Amino acid sequence: MNAPKFDEGRLMQVLVAPIVSEKATMVAEKSNAVTFKVLQGATKHEIKAAVELLFKVEVKGVSVVNTKGKTKRFGKTVGRRDNVRKAYVLLKEGQELNLSGEAA
């Protein structure tokens, strides 16, 4: 099975930011998965290729969640949070990804 070829410039933009929260940390400890905020139009294959390219790790699988933005009030005005697409990237056994910035 041939791996699809992706534009390297596009792959550099697919991962927007890592998500560092209590839930993301628990998932990381429990199932060796890392959570990222990704572009709305990103596919699972693009996310996998981007993580492997940027962090030099092997990816076992990718799960994607679309979260709709909430409507919130700010005093008199009504605002809306952005829609977010999150990717849970499962790493293969023995692979590790350190996002805390500490020297290993």
Protein backbone atom coordinates (compact mmCIF):
# COMPACT_ATOMS: atom_id res chain seq x y z
CA MET A 1 0.00 0.00 0.00
CA ASN A 2 1.53 3.29 -1.09
CA ALA A 3 1.47 6.24 1.27
CA PRO A 4 -0.24 9.28 -0.29
CA LYS A 5 2.02 12.25 -1.07
CA PHE A 6 1.14 15.56 0.57
CA ASP A 7 2.44 19.08 0.01
CA GLU A 8 4.98 19.75 2.76
CA GLY A 9 3.89 23.41 3.05
CA ARG A 10 0.31 22.30 3.70
CA LEU A 11 1.46 19.76 6.33
CA MET A 12 3.30 22.52 8.21
CA GLN A 13 -0.02 24.40 8.59
CA VAL A 14 -2.29 21.46 9.50
CA LEU A 15 -1.35 21.39 13.20
CA VAL A 16 -2.47 24.69 14.74
CA ALA A 17 -1.55 24.12 18.41
CA PRO A 18 -1.20 21.37 21.00
CA ILE A 19 -4.04 21.16 23.50
CA VAL A 20 -2.74 21.10 27.06
CA SER A 21 -5.64 20.51 29.45
CA GLU A 22 -6.49 18.15 32.26
CA LYS A 23 -8.44 15.86 29.95
CA ALA A 24 -5.70 15.85 27.30
CA THR A 25 -3.09 14.99 29.93
CA MET A 26 -5.19 12.10 31.26
CA VAL A 27 -5.64 10.72 27.72
CA ALA A 28 -1.90 11.05 27.10
CA GLU A 29 -1.01 9.08 30.23
CA LYS A 30 -3.67 6.44 29.71
CA SER A 31 -3.39 5.63 26.00
CA ASN A 32 -0.16 7.27 24.72
CA ALA A 33 -2.15 9.83 22.69
CA VAL A 34 -1.39 13.49 22.03
CA THR A 35 -4.10 16.09 21.39
CA PHE A 36 -3.82 18.86 18.79
CA LYS A 37 -6.01 21.67 17.50
CA VAL A 38 -6.03 21.28 13.70
CA LEU A 39 -7.38 23.09 10.65
CA GLN A 40 -11.09 22.65 9.91
CA GLY A 41 -10.42 21.05 6.53
CA ALA A 42 -7.64 18.69 7.67
CA THR A 43 -8.08 14.98 7.00
CA LYS A 44 -6.89 12.12 9.21
CA HIS A 45 -4.22 11.18 6.66
CA GLU A 46 -2.89 14.75 6.56
CA ILE A 47 -2.79 14.94 10.36
CA LYS A 48 -0.88 11.65 10.57
CA ALA A 49 1.62 12.76 7.93
CA ALA A 50 2.09 16.16 9.64
CA VAL A 51 2.81 14.65 13.06
CA GLU A 52 5.25 12.14 11.57
CA LEU A 53 6.99 14.90 9.59
CA LEU A 54 7.26 17.48 12.38
CA PHE A 55 7.99 15.29 15.40
CA LYS A 56 9.72 12.26 13.80
CA VAL A 57 7.49 9.70 15.56
CA GLU A 58 5.39 6.77 14.29
CA VAL A 59 1.61 7.23 14.47
CA LYS A 60 -0.72 4.31 15.13
CA GLY A 61 -4.01 6.11 14.48
CA VAL A 62 -5.87 9.42 14.46
CA SER A 63 -9.31 10.27 15.88
CA VAL A 64 -10.94 13.59 15.05
CA VAL A 65 -13.58 15.54 17.02
CA ASN A 66 -15.49 18.61 15.77
CA THR A 67 -16.62 20.86 18.62
CA LYS A 68 -19.14 23.58 17.84
CA GLY A 69 -18.50 27.01 19.35
CA LYS A 70 -20.74 28.18 22.16
CA THR A 71 -22.74 31.39 22.12
CA LYS A 72 -21.62 33.51 25.08
CA ARG A 73 -22.65 36.90 26.46
CA PHE A 74 -20.12 39.63 27.14
CA GLY A 75 -22.16 42.22 29.01
CA LYS A 76 -24.75 43.57 26.55
CA THR A 77 -23.21 42.01 23.47
CA VAL A 78 -23.59 38.41 22.37
CA GLY A 79 -20.48 36.71 21.07
CA ARG A 80 -19.62 33.30 19.73
CA ARG A 81 -16.60 31.09 20.31
CA ASP A 82 -14.90 29.55 17.30
CA ASN A 83 -15.61 26.03 16.12
CA VAL A 84 -12.69 23.74 16.98
CA ARG A 85 -11.45 20.56 15.30
CA LYS A 86 -9.38 18.41 17.66
CA ALA A 87 -7.22 15.46 16.71
CA TYR A 88 -6.27 12.70 19.14
CA VAL A 89 -3.09 11.15 17.72
CA LEU A 90 -2.26 7.68 19.06
CA LEU A 91 1.45 6.92 19.00
CA LYS A 92 2.90 3.45 18.50
CA GLU A 93 4.42 1.55 21.43
CA GLY A 94 7.76 2.97 22.52
CA GLN A 95 7.14 6.34 20.83
CA GLU A 96 7.03 9.47 22.96
CA LEU A 97 6.20 13.10 22.24
CA ASN A 98 7.18 15.75 24.80
CA LEU A 99 5.26 19.03 24.38
CA SER A 100 6.19 20.54 27.76
CA GLY A 101 9.40 22.08 26.41
CA GLU A 102 11.62 20.45 29.04
CA ALA A 103 14.95 19.03 27.96
CA ALA A 104 14.87 15.24 27.94
